[in-house]
């Protein structure tokens, strides 16, 4: 299960298939250096996204 306190880089390393879900939900900076140490919640806030919606979409993509 993905949570908003998880680090984006860790999520992508464990679940590379979620890159498409990140992109589809407006998170285009998956490869940027900040994503390697930034939580999903922090990145969503920086990009003006709803972290709860993003996490729900990521978990749905894993199902």
PDB file of N, CA and C in Angstrom:
ATOM      1  N   UNK A   1       0.850  -1.180   0.000  1.00  0.00           N
ATOM      2  CA  UNK A   1       0.000   0.000   0.000  1.00  0.00           C
ATOM      3  C   UNK A   1       0.901   1.251   0.000  1.00  0.00           C
ATOM      4  N   UNK A   2       0.545   2.183  -0.839  1.00  0.00           N
ATOM      5  CA  UNK A   2       1.270   3.438  -0.957  1.00  0.00           C
ATOM      6  C   UNK A   2       0.648   4.449   0.007  1.00  0.00           C
ATOM      7  N   UNK A   3       1.499   5.196   0.706  1.00  0.00           N
ATOM      8  CA  UNK A   3       1.027   6.261   1.596  1.00  0.00           C
ATOM      9  C   UNK A   3       1.711   7.562   1.198  1.00  0.00           C
ATOM     10  N   UNK A   4       1.126   8.679   1.589  1.00  0.00           N
ATOM     11  CA  UNK A   4       1.649   9.962   1.135  1.00  0.00           C
ATOM     12  C   UNK A   4       2.955  10.352   1.799  1.00  0.00           C
ATOM     13  N   UNK A   5       3.354   9.663   2.857  1.00  0.00           N
ATOM     14  CA  UNK A   5       4.638   9.960   3.479  1.00  0.00           C
ATOM     15  C   UNK A   5       5.799   9.182   2.854  1.00  0.00           C
ATOM     16  N   UNK A   6       5.486   8.316   1.889  1.00  0.00           N
ATOM     17  CA  UNK A   6       6.534   7.533   1.222  1.00  0.00           C
ATOM     18  C   UNK A   6       7.335   8.415   0.266  1.00  0.00           C
ATOM     19  N   UNK A   7       8.614   8.079   0.105  1.00  0.00           N
ATOM     20  CA  UNK A   7       9.509   8.811  -0.783  1.00  0.00           C
ATOM     21  C   UNK A   7       9.263   8.351  -2.221  1.00  0.00           C
ATOM     22  N   UNK A   8       9.103   9.304  -3.129  1.00  0.00           N
ATOM     23  CA  UNK A   8       8.788   8.978  -4.525  1.00  0.00           C
ATOM     24  C   UNK A   8       9.824   8.030  -5.119  1.00  0.00           C
ATOM     25  N   UNK A   9      11.106   8.317  -4.912  1.00  0.00           N
ATOM     26  CA  UNK A   9      12.152   7.458  -5.459  1.00  0.00           C
ATOM     27  C   UNK A   9      12.032   6.019  -4.976  1.00  0.00           C
ATOM     28  N   UNK A  10      11.699   5.831  -3.698  1.00  0.00           N
ATOM     29  CA  UNK A  10      11.525   4.482  -3.146  1.00  0.00           C
ATOM     30  C   UNK A  10      10.333   3.778  -3.787  1.00  0.00           C
ATOM     31  N   UNK A  11       9.243   4.523  -3.972  1.00  0.00           N
ATOM     32  CA  UNK A  11       8.043   3.947  -4.587  1.00  0.00           C
ATOM     33  C   UNK A  11       8.342   3.490  -6.017  1.00  0.00           C
ATOM     34  N   UNK A  12       9.027   4.340  -6.775  1.00  0.00           N
ATOM     35  CA  UNK A  12       9.343   4.007  -8.163  1.00  0.00           C
ATOM     36  C   UNK A  12      10.315   2.830  -8.238  1.00  0.00           C
ATOM     37  N   UNK A  13      11.283   2.789  -7.333  1.00  0.00           N
ATOM     38  CA  UNK A  13      12.219   1.659  -7.329  1.00  0.00           C
ATOM     39  C   UNK A  13      11.516   0.345  -7.041  1.00  0.00           C
ATOM     40  N   UNK A  14      10.547   0.380  -6.145  1.00  0.00           N
ATOM     41  CA  UNK A  14       9.817  -0.834  -5.781  1.00  0.00           C
ATOM     42  C   UNK A  14       8.708  -1.175  -6.773  1.00  0.00           C
ATOM     43  N   UNK A  15       8.104  -0.146  -7.364  1.00  0.00           N
ATOM     44  CA  UNK A  15       6.971  -0.342  -8.273  1.00  0.00           C
ATOM     45  C   UNK A  15       7.151   0.509  -9.534  1.00  0.00           C
ATOM     46  N   UNK A  16       8.088   0.160 -10.402  1.00  0.00           N
ATOM     47  CA  UNK A  16       8.328   0.981 -11.597  1.00  0.00           C
ATOM     48  C   UNK A  16       7.096   1.129 -12.493  1.00  0.00           C
ATOM     49  N   UNK A  17       6.166   0.224 -12.366  1.00  0.00           N
ATOM     50  CA  UNK A  17       4.941   0.300 -13.159  1.00  0.00           C
ATOM     51  C   UNK A  17       4.081   1.504 -12.773  1.00  0.00           C
ATOM     52  N   UNK A  18       4.358   2.133 -11.648  1.00  0.00           N
ATOM     53  CA  UNK A  18       3.572   3.283 -11.211  1.00  0.00           C
ATOM     54  C   UNK A  18       3.989   4.594 -11.865  1.00  0.00           C
ATOM     55  N   UNK A  19       5.061   4.584 -12.645  1.00  0.00           N
ATOM     56  CA  UNK A  19       5.478   5.801 -13.335  1.00  0.00           C
ATOM     57  C   UNK A  19       4.317   6.345 -14.165  1.00  0.00           C
ATOM     58  N   UNK A  20       3.620   5.477 -14.880  1.00  0.00           N
ATOM     59  CA  UNK A  20       2.469   5.917 -15.703  1.00  0.00           C
ATOM     60  C   UNK A  20       1.383   6.561 -14.846  1.00  0.00           C
ATOM     61  N   UNK A  21       1.132   6.008 -13.675  1.00  0.00           N
ATOM     62  CA  UNK A  21       0.101   6.560 -12.790  1.00  0.00           C
ATOM     63  C   UNK A  21       0.523   7.931 -12.257  1.00  0.00           C
ATOM     64  N   UNK A  22       1.803   8.086 -11.938  1.00  0.00           N
ATOM     65  CA  UNK A  22       2.287   9.406 -11.525  1.00  0.00           C
ATOM     66  C   UNK A  22       2.065  10.408 -12.658  1.00  0.00           C
ATOM     67  N   UNK A  23       2.486  10.046 -13.874  1.00  0.00           N
ATOM     68  CA  UNK A  23       2.328  10.937 -15.035  1.00  0.00           C
ATOM     69  C   UNK A  23       0.860  11.274 -15.275  1.00  0.00           C
ATOM     70  N   UNK A  24      -0.001  10.259 -15.237  1.00  0.00           N
ATOM     71  CA  UNK A  24      -1.426  10.455 -15.522  1.00  0.00           C
ATOM     72  C   UNK A  24      -2.095  11.376 -14.510  1.00  0.00           C
ATOM     73  N   UNK A  25      -1.479  11.517 -13.343  1.00  0.00           N
ATOM     74  CA  UNK A  25      -2.058  12.352 -12.294  1.00  0.00           C
ATOM     75  C   UNK A  25      -1.306  13.654 -12.085  1.00  0.00           C
ATOM     76  N   UNK A  26      -0.544  14.070 -13.104  1.00  0.00           N
ATOM     77  CA  UNK A  26       0.071  15.381 -13.093  1.00  0.00           C
ATOM     78  C   UNK A  26       1.445  15.473 -12.462  1.00  0.00           C
ATOM     79  N   UNK A  27       2.006  14.355 -12.042  1.00  0.00           N
ATOM     80  CA  UNK A  27       3.329  14.355 -11.416  1.00  0.00           C
ATOM     81  C   UNK A  27       4.350  13.949 -12.484  1.00  0.00           C
ATOM     82  N   UNK A  28       4.881  14.967 -13.175  1.00  0.00           N
ATOM     83  CA  UNK A  28       5.767  14.723 -14.304  1.00  0.00           C
ATOM     84  C   UNK A  28       7.248  14.723 -13.952  1.00  0.00           C
ATOM     85  N   UNK A  29       7.582  14.977 -12.705  1.00  0.00           N
ATOM     86  CA  UNK A  29       8.992  15.158 -12.337  1.00  0.00           C
ATOM     87  C   UNK A  29       9.604  13.916 -11.698  1.00  0.00           C
ATOM     88  N   UNK A  30       9.174  12.765 -12.106  1.00  0.00           N
ATOM     89  CA  UNK A  30       9.634  11.516 -11.499  1.00  0.00           C
ATOM     90  C   UNK A  30      11.150  11.374 -11.561  1.00  0.00           C
ATOM     91  N   UNK A  31      11.766  11.837 -12.627  1.00  0.00           N
ATOM     92  CA  UNK A  31      13.201  11.688 -12.773  1.00  0.00           C
ATOM     93  C   UNK A  31      14.025  12.798 -12.157  1.00  0.00           C
ATOM     94  N   UNK A  32      13.394  13.817 -11.614  1.00  0.00           N
ATOM     95  CA  UNK A  32      14.166  14.934 -11.065  1.00  0.00           C
ATOM     96  C   UNK A  32      14.855  14.505  -9.769  1.00  0.00           C
ATOM     97  N   UNK A  33      16.010  15.087  -9.487  1.00  0.00           N
ATOM     98  CA  UNK A  33      16.755  14.692  -8.285  1.00  0.00           C
ATOM     99  C   UNK A  33      15.956  14.834  -6.987  1.00  0.00           C
ATOM    100  N   UNK A  34      15.096  15.817  -6.897  1.00  0.00           N
ATOM    101  CA  UNK A  34      14.315  16.019  -5.670  1.00  0.00           C
ATOM    102  C   UNK A  34      13.405  14.827  -5.376  1.00  0.00           C
ATOM    103  N   UNK A  35      12.926  14.158  -6.420  1.00  0.00           N
ATOM    104  CA  UNK A  35      12.004  13.041  -6.208  1.00  0.00           C
ATOM    105  C   UNK A  35      12.658  11.875  -5.481  1.00  0.00           C
ATOM    106  N   UNK A  36      13.972  11.827  -5.476  1.00  0.00           N
ATOM    107  CA  UNK A  36      14.682  10.741  -4.805  1.00  0.00           C
ATOM    108  C   UNK A  36      14.626  10.855  -3.286  1.00  0.00           C
ATOM    109  N   UNK A  37      14.299  12.036  -2.784  1.00  0.00           N
ATOM    110  CA  UNK A  37      14.226  12.212  -1.340  1.00  0.00           C
ATOM    111  C   UNK A  37      12.982  12.911  -0.862  1.00  0.00           C
ATOM    112  N   UNK A  38      12.038  13.121  -1.770  1.00  0.00           N
ATOM    113  CA  UNK A  38      10.833  13.891  -1.443  1.00  0.00           C
ATOM    114  C   UNK A  38       9.638  12.961  -1.287  1.00  0.00           C
ATOM    115  N   UNK A  39       8.826  13.239  -0.285  1.00  0.00           N
ATOM    116  CA  UNK A  39       7.625  12.430  -0.081  1.00  0.00           C
ATOM    117  C   UNK A  39       6.586  12.754  -1.150  1.00  0.00           C
ATOM    118  N   UNK A  40       5.669  11.856  -1.333  1.00  0.00           N
ATOM    119  CA  UNK A  40       4.567  12.067  -2.269  1.00  0.00           C
ATOM    120  C   UNK A  40       3.776  13.307  -1.847  1.00  0.00           C
ATOM    121  N   UNK A  41       3.533  13.453  -0.566  1.00  0.00           N
ATOM    122  CA  UNK A  41       2.762  14.598  -0.070  1.00  0.00           C
ATOM    123  C   UNK A  41       3.480  15.918  -0.362  1.00  0.00           C
ATOM    124  N   UNK A  42       4.784  15.976  -0.087  1.00  0.00           N
ATOM    125  CA  UNK A  42       5.541  17.208  -0.310  1.00  0.00           C
ATOM    126  C   UNK A  42       5.581  17.561  -1.793  1.00  0.00           C
ATOM    127  N   UNK A  43       5.811  16.573  -2.638  1.00  0.00           N
ATOM    128  CA  UNK A  43       5.872  16.826  -4.082  1.00  0.00           C
ATOM    129  C   UNK A  43       4.516  17.264  -4.610  1.00  0.00           C
ATOM    130  N   UNK A  44       3.457  16.637  -4.138  1.00  0.00           N
ATOM    131  CA  UNK A  44       2.114  17.020  -4.576  1.00  0.00           C
ATOM    132  C   UNK A  44       1.830  18.469  -4.197  1.00  0.00           C
ATOM    133  N   UNK A  45       2.225  18.840  -3.001  1.00  0.00           N
ATOM    134  CA  UNK A  45       1.997  20.215  -2.539  1.00  0.00           C
ATOM    135  C   UNK A  45       2.747  21.208  -3.428  1.00  0.00           C
ATOM    136  N   UNK A  46       4.002  20.915  -3.749  1.00  0.00           N
ATOM    137  CA  UNK A  46       4.810  21.793  -4.596  1.00  0.00           C
ATOM    138  C   UNK A  46       4.167  21.964  -5.975  1.00  0.00           C
ATOM    139  N   UNK A  47       3.552  20.895  -6.465  1.00  0.00           N
ATOM    140  CA  UNK A  47       2.965  20.918  -7.809  1.00  0.00           C
ATOM    141  C   UNK A  47       1.478  21.250  -7.820  1.00  0.00           C
ATOM    142  N   UNK A  48       0.934  21.619  -6.666  1.00  0.00           N
ATOM    143  CA  UNK A  48      -0.468  22.009  -6.595  1.00  0.00           C
ATOM    144  C   UNK A  48      -1.435  20.854  -6.803  1.00  0.00           C
ATOM    145  N   UNK A  49      -1.034  19.667  -6.403  1.00  0.00           N
ATOM    146  CA  UNK A  49      -1.877  18.480  -6.555  1.00  0.00           C
ATOM    147  C   UNK A  49      -2.421  18.046  -5.206  1.00  0.00           C
ATOM    148  N   UNK A  50      -3.507  17.321  -5.233  1.00  0.00           N
ATOM    149  CA  UNK A  50      -4.105  16.766  -4.022  1.00  0.00           C
ATOM    150  C   UNK A  50      -3.404  15.440  -3.720  1.00  0.00           C
ATOM    151  N   UNK A  51      -2.654  15.382  -2.630  1.00  0.00           N
ATOM    152  CA  UNK A  51      -1.885  14.173  -2.316  1.00  0.00           C
ATOM    153  C   UNK A  51      -2.782  12.972  -2.046  1.00  0.00           C
ATOM    154  N   UNK A  52      -3.954  13.197  -1.456  1.00  0.00           N
ATOM    155  CA  UNK A  52      -4.864  12.082  -1.190  1.00  0.00           C
ATOM    156  C   UNK A  52      -5.371  11.464  -2.489  1.00  0.00           C
ATOM    157  N   UNK A  53      -5.688  12.309  -3.461  1.00  0.00           N
ATOM    158  CA  UNK A  53      -6.141  11.794  -4.760  1.00  0.00           C
ATOM    159  C   UNK A  53      -5.023  11.054  -5.480  1.00  0.00           C
ATOM    160  N   UNK A  54      -3.812  11.604  -5.401  1.00  0.00           N
ATOM    161  CA  UNK A  54      -2.668  10.964  -6.041  1.00  0.00           C
ATOM    162  C   UNK A  54      -2.399   9.601  -5.419  1.00  0.00           C
ATOM    163  N   UNK A  55      -2.394   9.514  -4.104  1.00  0.00           N
ATOM    164  CA  UNK A  55      -2.156   8.244  -3.417  1.00  0.00           C
ATOM    165  C   UNK A  55      -3.254   7.230  -3.755  1.00  0.00           C
ATOM    166  N   UNK A  56      -4.499   7.691  -3.819  1.00  0.00           N
ATOM    167  CA  UNK A  56      -5.601   6.795  -4.193  1.00  0.00           C
ATOM    168  C   UNK A  56      -5.399   6.242  -5.592  1.00  0.00           C
ATOM    169  N   UNK A  57      -4.975   7.087  -6.515  1.00  0.00           N
ATOM    170  CA  UNK A  57      -4.724   6.656  -7.897  1.00  0.00           C
ATOM    171  C   UNK A  57      -3.567   5.663  -7.957  1.00  0.00           C
ATOM    172  N   UNK A  58      -2.528   5.907  -7.187  1.00  0.00           N
ATOM    173  CA  UNK A  58      -1.377   4.996  -7.169  1.00  0.00           C
ATOM    174  C   UNK A  58      -1.786   3.634  -6.613  1.00  0.00           C
ATOM    175  N   UNK A  59      -2.555   3.636  -5.541  1.00  0.00           N
ATOM    176  CA  UNK A  59      -3.004   2.357  -4.967  1.00  0.00           C
ATOM    177  C   UNK A  59      -3.960   1.625  -5.902  1.00  0.00           C
ATOM    178  N   UNK A  60      -4.778   2.380  -6.603  1.00  0.00           N
ATOM    179  CA  UNK A  60      -5.679   1.757  -7.582  1.00  0.00           C
ATOM    180  C   UNK A  60      -4.869   1.112  -8.706  1.00  0.00           C
ATOM    181  N   UNK A  61      -3.799   1.772  -9.127  1.00  0.00           N
ATOM    182  CA  UNK A  61      -2.944   1.228 -10.189  1.00  0.00           C
ATOM    183  C   UNK A  61      -2.237  -0.048  -9.738  1.00  0.00           C
ATOM    184  N   UNK A  62      -2.011  -0.183  -8.438  1.00  0.00           N
ATOM    185  CA  UNK A  62      -1.365  -1.397  -7.909  1.00  0.00           C
ATOM    186  C   UNK A  62      -2.334  -2.564  -7.795  1.00  0.00           C
ATOM    187  N   UNK A  63      -3.606  -2.270  -7.699  1.00  0.00           N
ATOM    188  CA  UNK A  63      -4.620  -3.318  -7.472  1.00  0.00           C
ATOM    189  C   UNK A  63      -4.766  -4.247  -8.655  1.00  0.00           C
TER     190      UNK A  63
END
